[in-house]
Amino acid sequence: MNYQSMEIKLKQIKSEEPEQIEIRCHEVNDCVREIVAFVKSRQGQLSGNMDGRQYEIPITDVLYVESVDNRTFIYTMKKSYETKQRVYELEETLKQKRFLRISKSTLLNLMKVKSIKPALNGRFSAVLSNGEEVIISRKYVPDLKNTLKGEV
């Protein structure tokens, strides 16, 4: 089985019905496992604070996570939240969710990257879906290249 021969059906349901994904296949092969891993990678949420209130932020909304002055922030399209968790703790949580460390203090959601281009001194620059640009440190460029090639 490959992606080209797979029939895809979408069915919109009422909001009170539970959402589900069903994969019907002749065998569970690498292609099917890849689809399942992707779906699982998009599930979950992080906890963050803004204006003294606690929020649950869907992982699919997170652009990147950054540590600044010993404080950790979660950035979405329009808002930023502070979290008590450290970047290294979040890195473990988000590793299987298509996030990659791009500097000592930043984790990037690869699903929110519009483009990547070389920058100065061996660094790269990533443009995010909201137009914001983040720098990928030279030390982390090889990890990025391997991840994009599917080697990680």
N, C-alpha and C. Protein backbone atom coordinates (compact mmCIF):
# COMPACT_ATOMS: atom_id res chain seq x y z
N MET A 1 0.84 -1.17 0.00
CA MET A 1 0.00 0.00 0.00
C MET A 1 0.89 1.24 0.00
N ASN A 2 0.49 2.23 -0.76
CA ASN A 2 1.18 3.51 -0.69
C ASN A 2 0.14 4.63 -0.66
N TYR A 3 0.61 5.84 -0.44
CA TYR A 3 -0.31 6.97 -0.31
C TYR A 3 -1.15 7.19 -1.57
N GLN A 4 -0.58 6.91 -2.74
CA GLN A 4 -1.31 7.17 -3.98
C GLN A 4 -2.52 6.25 -4.14
N SER A 5 -2.48 5.06 -3.61
CA SER A 5 -3.59 4.12 -3.80
C SER A 5 -4.58 4.13 -2.64
N MET A 6 -4.36 4.99 -1.66
CA MET A 6 -5.21 5.02 -0.49
C MET A 6 -6.40 5.94 -0.72
N GLU A 7 -7.60 5.41 -0.52
CA GLU A 7 -8.81 6.23 -0.62
C GLU A 7 -8.98 6.97 0.70
N ILE A 8 -9.31 8.24 0.63
CA ILE A 8 -9.49 9.04 1.84
C ILE A 8 -10.92 9.53 1.89
N LYS A 9 -11.58 9.28 3.02
CA LYS A 9 -12.95 9.73 3.23
C LYS A 9 -12.99 10.62 4.46
N LEU A 10 -13.66 11.75 4.35
CA LEU A 10 -13.89 12.64 5.48
C LEU A 10 -15.39 12.76 5.70
N LYS A 11 -15.79 12.72 6.94
CA LYS A 11 -17.22 12.84 7.25
C LYS A 11 -17.36 13.81 8.42
N GLN A 12 -18.07 14.91 8.18
CA GLN A 12 -18.30 15.87 9.24
C GLN A 12 -19.43 15.35 10.13
N ILE A 13 -19.22 15.45 11.46
CA ILE A 13 -20.20 14.93 12.40
C ILE A 13 -20.70 16.05 13.30
N LYS A 14 -21.74 15.78 14.06
CA LYS A 14 -22.28 16.75 15.00
C LYS A 14 -21.30 16.93 16.17
N SER A 15 -21.33 18.09 16.76
CA SER A 15 -20.36 18.40 17.82
C SER A 15 -20.52 17.52 19.05
N GLU A 16 -21.69 16.94 19.27
CA GLU A 16 -21.87 16.08 20.44
C GLU A 16 -21.34 14.66 20.21
N GLU A 17 -21.06 14.32 18.96
CA GLU A 17 -20.50 12.99 18.67
C GLU A 17 -19.00 13.00 18.90
N PRO A 18 -18.44 11.89 19.40
CA PRO A 18 -16.98 11.86 19.60
C PRO A 18 -16.24 11.78 18.26
N GLU A 19 -15.15 12.53 18.16
CA GLU A 19 -14.32 12.47 16.95
C GLU A 19 -13.48 11.20 17.01
N GLN A 20 -13.24 10.61 15.85
CA GLN A 20 -12.40 9.42 15.79
C GLN A 20 -11.74 9.32 14.41
N ILE A 21 -10.68 8.59 14.38
CA ILE A 21 -9.99 8.29 13.13
C ILE A 21 -9.91 6.78 13.03
N GLU A 22 -10.33 6.26 11.90
CA GLU A 22 -10.27 4.82 11.67
C GLU A 22 -9.42 4.59 10.42
N ILE A 23 -8.48 3.70 10.53
CA ILE A 23 -7.64 3.35 9.38
C ILE A 23 -7.95 1.90 9.03
N ARG A 24 -8.38 1.69 7.83
CA ARG A 24 -8.68 0.33 7.36
C ARG A 24 -7.63 -0.03 6.33
N CYS A 25 -6.88 -1.08 6.62
CA CYS A 25 -5.77 -1.43 5.73
C CYS A 25 -5.63 -2.95 5.64
N HIS A 26 -4.95 -3.40 4.59
CA HIS A 26 -4.69 -4.82 4.41
C HIS A 26 -3.62 -5.32 5.37
N GLU A 27 -2.66 -4.44 5.67
CA GLU A 27 -1.61 -4.79 6.62
C GLU A 27 -1.10 -3.53 7.29
N VAL A 28 -0.60 -3.69 8.52
CA VAL A 28 -0.01 -2.56 9.23
C VAL A 28 1.47 -2.50 8.82
N ASN A 29 1.75 -1.60 7.90
CA ASN A 29 3.12 -1.46 7.39
C ASN A 29 3.68 -0.09 7.79
N ASP A 30 4.84 0.25 7.26
CA ASP A 30 5.48 1.51 7.62
C ASP A 30 4.62 2.72 7.26
N CYS A 31 3.93 2.64 6.16
CA CYS A 31 3.06 3.74 5.72
C CYS A 31 1.96 3.98 6.75
N VAL A 32 1.31 2.94 7.20
CA VAL A 32 0.23 3.05 8.19
C VAL A 32 0.80 3.52 9.53
N ARG A 33 1.94 2.96 9.94
CA ARG A 33 2.55 3.38 11.20
C ARG A 33 2.92 4.86 11.16
N GLU A 34 3.36 5.34 10.02
CA GLU A 34 3.71 6.75 9.85
C GLU A 34 2.48 7.65 10.04
N ILE A 35 1.36 7.24 9.48
CA ILE A 35 0.11 7.99 9.62
C ILE A 35 -0.33 8.02 11.08
N VAL A 36 -0.28 6.88 11.74
CA VAL A 36 -0.67 6.79 13.15
C VAL A 36 0.24 7.66 14.01
N ALA A 37 1.54 7.61 13.76
CA ALA A 37 2.49 8.41 14.53
C ALA A 37 2.22 9.90 14.33
N PHE A 38 1.90 10.29 13.11
CA PHE A 38 1.61 11.70 12.86
C PHE A 38 0.36 12.14 13.63
N VAL A 39 -0.69 11.37 13.57
CA VAL A 39 -1.94 11.72 14.27
C VAL A 39 -1.67 11.83 15.77
N LYS A 40 -0.95 10.86 16.33
CA LYS A 40 -0.64 10.90 17.76
C LYS A 40 0.22 12.11 18.10
N SER A 41 1.09 12.50 17.17
CA SER A 41 1.98 13.63 17.44
C SER A 41 1.22 14.95 17.55
N ARG A 42 0.03 15.01 17.04
CA ARG A 42 -0.75 16.24 17.06
C ARG A 42 -1.70 16.31 18.24
N GLN A 43 -1.72 15.29 19.07
CA GLN A 43 -2.62 15.27 20.22
C GLN A 43 -1.91 15.81 21.45
N GLY A 44 -2.68 16.33 22.38
CA GLY A 44 -2.13 16.77 23.66
C GLY A 44 -2.19 18.27 23.81
N GLN A 45 -1.80 18.71 25.00
CA GLN A 45 -1.81 20.13 25.30
C GLN A 45 -0.77 20.45 26.36
N LEU A 46 -0.44 21.72 26.47
CA LEU A 46 0.49 22.22 27.47
C LEU A 46 -0.26 23.18 28.38
N SER A 47 0.21 23.33 29.60
CA SER A 47 -0.38 24.28 30.54
C SER A 47 0.45 25.54 30.57
N GLY A 48 -0.24 26.68 30.54
CA GLY A 48 0.45 27.96 30.59
C GLY A 48 -0.38 28.99 31.32
N ASN A 49 0.28 30.04 31.80
CA ASN A 49 -0.38 31.12 32.52
C ASN A 49 -0.30 32.41 31.72
N MET A 50 -1.39 33.18 31.79
CA MET A 50 -1.40 34.51 31.19
C MET A 50 -2.34 35.36 32.04
N ASP A 51 -1.87 36.53 32.46
CA ASP A 51 -2.68 37.46 33.26
C ASP A 51 -3.25 36.78 34.51
N GLY A 52 -2.44 35.95 35.16
CA GLY A 52 -2.87 35.31 36.40
C GLY A 52 -3.84 34.16 36.25
N ARG A 53 -4.12 33.77 35.02
CA ARG A 53 -5.05 32.66 34.78
C ARG A 53 -4.32 31.51 34.11
N GLN A 54 -4.76 30.29 34.41
CA GLN A 54 -4.17 29.07 33.84
C GLN A 54 -4.94 28.68 32.58
N TYR A 55 -4.22 28.30 31.53
CA TYR A 55 -4.83 27.89 30.27
C TYR A 55 -4.25 26.56 29.81
N GLU A 56 -5.05 25.79 29.10
CA GLU A 56 -4.59 24.58 28.43
C GLU A 56 -4.43 24.94 26.96
N ILE A 57 -3.22 24.79 26.44
CA ILE A 57 -2.90 25.20 25.07
C ILE A 57 -2.73 23.95 24.22
N PRO A 58 -3.56 23.76 23.20
CA PRO A 58 -3.38 22.59 22.32
C PRO A 58 -2.00 22.64 21.66
N ILE A 59 -1.33 21.52 21.63
CA ILE A 59 0.00 21.45 21.03
C ILE A 59 -0.02 21.94 19.59
N THR A 60 -1.11 21.71 18.88
CA THR A 60 -1.20 22.14 17.49
C THR A 60 -1.21 23.66 17.36
N ASP A 61 -1.46 24.39 18.45
CA ASP A 61 -1.46 25.86 18.41
C ASP A 61 -0.09 26.46 18.71
N VAL A 62 0.82 25.66 19.23
CA VAL A 62 2.12 26.17 19.68
C VAL A 62 3.06 26.36 18.49
N LEU A 63 3.62 27.58 18.37
CA LEU A 63 4.62 27.86 17.35
C LEU A 63 6.01 27.46 17.85
N TYR A 64 6.35 27.95 19.04
CA TYR A 64 7.63 27.59 19.64
C TYR A 64 7.60 27.84 21.14
N VAL A 65 8.59 27.30 21.83
CA VAL A 65 8.75 27.46 23.27
C VAL A 65 10.14 28.06 23.46
N GLU A 66 10.21 29.06 24.35
CA GLU A 66 11.50 29.74 24.53
C GLU A 66 11.72 30.09 25.99
N SER A 67 12.97 29.98 26.43
CA SER A 67 13.35 30.37 27.77
C SER A 67 14.07 31.72 27.69
N VAL A 68 13.58 32.67 28.50
CA VAL A 68 14.16 34.02 28.54
C VAL A 68 14.30 34.41 30.01
N ASP A 69 15.51 34.75 30.44
CA ASP A 69 15.76 35.17 31.82
C ASP A 69 15.19 34.18 32.85
N ASN A 70 15.48 32.92 32.68
CA ASN A 70 15.02 31.85 33.58
C ASN A 70 13.50 31.71 33.66
N ARG A 71 12.81 32.18 32.66
CA ARG A 71 11.35 32.00 32.55
C ARG A 71 11.08 31.35 31.21
N THR A 72 10.09 30.45 31.17
CA THR A 72 9.78 29.72 29.95
C THR A 72 8.44 30.18 29.41
N PHE A 73 8.42 30.47 28.09
CA PHE A 73 7.22 30.98 27.44
C PHE A 73 6.79 30.07 26.30
N ILE A 74 5.48 29.94 26.14
CA ILE A 74 4.88 29.18 25.04
C ILE A 74 4.23 30.21 24.11
N TYR A 75 4.65 30.21 22.85
CA TYR A 75 4.14 31.18 21.88
C TYR A 75 3.17 30.52 20.91
N THR A 76 2.01 31.15 20.75
CA THR A 76 1.03 30.71 19.76
C THR A 76 0.91 31.81 18.70
N MET A 77 -0.03 31.67 17.80
CA MET A 77 -0.18 32.63 16.71
C MET A 77 -0.32 34.07 17.22
N LYS A 78 -1.10 34.28 18.26
CA LYS A 78 -1.37 35.64 18.72
C LYS A 78 -1.05 35.90 20.19
N LYS A 79 -0.79 34.84 20.95
CA LYS A 79 -0.61 35.01 22.39
C LYS A 79 0.66 34.33 22.87
N SER A 80 1.11 34.72 24.05
CA SER A 80 2.22 34.01 24.70
C SER A 80 1.82 33.72 26.14
N TYR A 81 2.24 32.57 26.61
CA TYR A 81 1.90 32.09 27.95
C TYR A 81 3.20 31.76 28.66
N GLU A 82 3.20 31.90 29.96
CA GLU A 82 4.35 31.47 30.75
C GLU A 82 4.04 30.11 31.35
N THR A 83 5.05 29.26 31.43
CA THR A 83 4.88 27.95 32.03
C THR A 83 5.97 27.74 33.07
N LYS A 84 5.66 26.92 34.05
CA LYS A 84 6.64 26.60 35.10
C LYS A 84 7.67 25.58 34.61
N GLN A 85 7.33 24.85 33.56
CA GLN A 85 8.24 23.82 33.06
C GLN A 85 9.45 24.46 32.38
N ARG A 86 10.55 23.77 32.44
CA ARG A 86 11.79 24.20 31.79
C ARG A 86 11.82 23.67 30.36
N VAL A 87 12.63 24.30 29.53
CA VAL A 87 12.72 23.89 28.12
C VAL A 87 13.15 22.42 28.01
N TYR A 88 14.10 21.99 28.83
CA TYR A 88 14.56 20.60 28.73
C TYR A 88 13.45 19.61 29.11
N GLU A 89 12.57 20.01 30.04
CA GLU A 89 11.44 19.14 30.40
C GLU A 89 10.44 19.07 29.25
N LEU A 90 10.15 20.22 28.66
CA LEU A 90 9.21 20.26 27.53
C LEU A 90 9.79 19.54 26.31
N GLU A 91 11.11 19.59 26.15
CA GLU A 91 11.74 18.90 25.03
C GLU A 91 11.42 17.41 25.08
N GLU A 92 11.46 16.81 26.25
CA GLU A 92 11.13 15.39 26.39
C GLU A 92 9.67 15.14 26.03
N THR A 93 8.79 16.00 26.52
CA THR A 93 7.35 15.87 26.26
C THR A 93 7.04 16.03 24.77
N LEU A 94 7.72 16.97 24.13
CA LEU A 94 7.37 17.36 22.76
C LEU A 94 8.19 16.66 21.67
N LYS A 95 9.16 15.86 22.07
CA LYS A 95 10.05 15.21 21.10
C LYS A 95 9.28 14.40 20.05
N GLN A 96 8.25 13.69 20.47
CA GLN A 96 7.45 12.87 19.55
C GLN A 96 6.31 13.66 18.91
N LYS A 97 6.30 14.96 19.11
CA LYS A 97 5.20 15.80 18.61
C LYS A 97 5.68 16.76 17.53
N ARG A 98 6.74 16.43 16.84
CA ARG A 98 7.29 17.22 15.74
C ARG A 98 7.89 18.55 16.20
N PHE A 99 8.45 18.57 17.41
CA PHE A 99 9.17 19.73 17.91
C PHE A 99 10.66 19.40 17.88
N LEU A 100 11.48 20.43 17.67
CA LEU A 100 12.93 20.24 17.59
C LEU A 100 13.62 21.38 18.30
N ARG A 101 14.66 21.05 19.06
CA ARG A 101 15.46 22.10 19.70
C ARG A 101 16.26 22.79 18.59
N ILE A 102 16.17 24.14 18.57
CA ILE A 102 16.89 24.90 17.53
C ILE A 102 17.93 25.84 18.13
N SER A 103 17.93 25.93 19.46
CA SER A 103 18.96 26.70 20.16
C SER A 103 18.96 26.23 21.61
N LYS A 104 19.89 26.75 22.38
CA LYS A 104 19.97 26.36 23.79
C LYS A 104 18.66 26.65 24.51
N SER A 105 17.92 27.66 24.06
CA SER A 105 16.73 28.11 24.79
C SER A 105 15.42 27.96 24.03
N THR A 106 15.43 27.33 22.83
CA THR A 106 14.21 27.33 22.00
C THR A 106 13.89 25.97 21.41
N LEU A 107 12.58 25.61 21.48
CA LEU A 107 12.03 24.44 20.81
C LEU A 107 11.08 24.94 19.74
N LEU A 108 11.18 24.39 18.54
CA LEU A 108 10.37 24.84 17.41
C LEU A 108 9.40 23.75 16.98
N ASN A 109 8.14 24.15 16.74
CA ASN A 109 7.14 23.24 16.19
C ASN A 109 7.35 23.20 14.67
N LEU A 110 7.89 22.11 14.17
CA LEU A 110 8.21 22.01 12.74
C LEU A 110 6.97 22.10 11.85
N MET A 111 5.80 21.79 12.41
CA MET A 111 4.56 21.86 11.63
C MET A 111 4.10 23.30 11.41
N LYS A 112 4.74 24.26 12.06
CA LYS A 112 4.38 25.67 11.92
C LYS A 112 5.40 26.45 11.11
N VAL A 113 6.33 25.75 10.47
CA VAL A 113 7.37 26.41 9.67
C VAL A 113 6.91 26.55 8.23
N LYS A 114 6.94 27.79 7.73
CA LYS A 114 6.59 28.05 6.32
C LYS A 114 7.80 27.87 5.43
N SER A 115 8.96 28.36 5.88
CA SER A 115 10.17 28.24 5.07
C SER A 115 11.40 28.31 5.95
N ILE A 116 12.49 27.78 5.42
CA ILE A 116 13.79 27.80 6.10
C ILE A 116 14.82 28.27 5.09
N LYS A 117 15.71 29.16 5.54
CA LYS A 117 16.77 29.64 4.63
C LYS A 117 18.06 29.83 5.42
N PRO A 118 19.19 29.74 4.72
CA PRO A 118 20.47 29.98 5.40
C PRO A 118 20.55 31.42 5.90
N ALA A 119 21.18 31.60 7.04
CA ALA A 119 21.44 32.94 7.59
C ALA A 119 22.95 33.09 7.73
N LEU A 120 23.40 34.03 8.49
CA LEU A 120 24.83 34.28 8.63
C LEU A 120 25.51 33.26 9.55
N ASN A 121 26.80 33.06 9.34
CA ASN A 121 27.65 32.25 10.22
C ASN A 121 27.16 30.82 10.44
N GLY A 122 26.63 30.18 9.40
CA GLY A 122 26.21 28.79 9.50
C GLY A 122 24.87 28.58 10.17
N ARG A 123 24.23 29.66 10.56
CA ARG A 123 22.90 29.54 11.16
C ARG A 123 21.85 29.50 10.06
N PHE A 124 20.64 29.12 10.44
CA PHE A 124 19.51 29.14 9.52
C PHE A 124 18.41 30.01 10.13
N SER A 125 17.50 30.42 9.29
CA SER A 125 16.36 31.21 9.74
C SER A 125 15.09 30.49 9.31
N ALA A 126 14.13 30.37 10.23
CA ALA A 126 12.85 29.73 9.92
C ALA A 126 11.76 30.78 10.00
N VAL A 127 10.94 30.86 8.96
CA VAL A 127 9.78 31.75 8.96
C VAL A 127 8.58 30.90 9.35
N LEU A 128 7.85 31.36 10.37
CA LEU A 128 6.72 30.61 10.91
C LEU A 128 5.42 31.01 10.22
N SER A 129 4.38 30.25 10.48
CA SER A 129 3.09 30.48 9.83
C SER A 129 2.48 31.84 10.14
N ASN A 130 2.93 32.49 11.23
CA ASN A 130 2.43 33.83 11.54
C ASN A 130 3.35 34.92 10.99
N GLY A 131 4.39 34.54 10.24
CA GLY A 131 5.32 35.51 9.66
C GLY A 131 6.53 35.79 10.53
N GLU A 132 6.50 35.35 11.77
CA GLU A 132 7.63 35.57 12.68
C GLU A 132 8.83 34.75 12.22
N GLU A 133 10.01 35.27 12.49
CA GLU A 133 11.24 34.59 12.09
C GLU A 133 12.02 34.19 13.34
N VAL A 134 12.50 32.94 13.37
CA VAL A 134 13.34 32.48 14.48
C VAL A 134 14.65 31.96 13.90
N ILE A 135 15.71 32.10 14.69
CA ILE A 135 17.04 31.68 14.24
C ILE A 135 17.35 30.28 14.76
N ILE A 136 17.88 29.46 13.87
CA ILE A 136 18.32 28.10 14.22
C ILE A 136 19.84 28.17 14.39
N SER A 137 20.30 27.93 15.62
CA SER A 137 21.73 28.01 15.92
C SER A 137 22.53 27.00 15.11
N ARG A 138 23.75 27.37 14.80
CA ARG A 138 24.64 26.53 13.99
C ARG A 138 24.77 25.13 14.58
N LYS A 139 24.83 25.03 15.90
CA LYS A 139 24.98 23.74 16.57
C LYS A 139 23.81 22.79 16.27
N TYR A 140 22.61 23.34 16.03
CA TYR A 140 21.41 22.53 15.85
C TYR A 140 21.01 22.34 14.38
N VAL A 141 21.73 22.95 13.46
CA VAL A 141 21.42 22.81 12.03
C VAL A 141 21.52 21.35 11.57
N PRO A 142 22.56 20.59 11.97
CA PRO A 142 22.62 19.17 11.55
C PRO A 142 21.40 18.37 12.01
N ASP A 143 20.92 18.61 13.24
CA ASP A 143 19.72 17.92 13.73
C ASP A 143 18.52 18.27 12.86
N LEU A 144 18.42 19.53 12.51
CA LEU A 144 17.32 19.98 11.65
C LEU A 144 17.36 19.27 10.31
N LYS A 145 18.53 19.25 9.70
CA LYS A 145 18.68 18.60 8.38
C LYS A 145 18.33 17.11 8.46
N ASN A 146 18.81 16.44 9.50
CA ASN A 146 18.51 15.01 9.66
C ASN A 146 17.02 14.77 9.88
N THR A 147 16.40 15.63 10.67
CA THR A 147 14.97 15.50 10.92
C THR A 147 14.18 15.70 9.64
N LEU A 148 14.54 16.71 8.87
CA LEU A 148 13.82 16.98 7.62
C LEU A 148 14.03 15.88 6.59
N LYS A 149 15.17 15.21 6.67
CA LYS A 149 15.42 14.07 5.77
C LYS A 149 14.73 12.80 6.27
N GLY A 150 14.19 12.84 7.50
CA GLY A 150 13.52 11.68 8.06
C GLY A 150 14.45 10.69 8.70
N GLU A 151 15.66 11.14 9.05
CA GLU A 151 16.66 10.24 9.63
C GLU A 151 16.59 10.19 11.15
N VAL A 152 15.74 10.98 11.77
CA VAL A 152 15.67 10.98 13.23
C VAL A 152 14.35 10.37 13.66
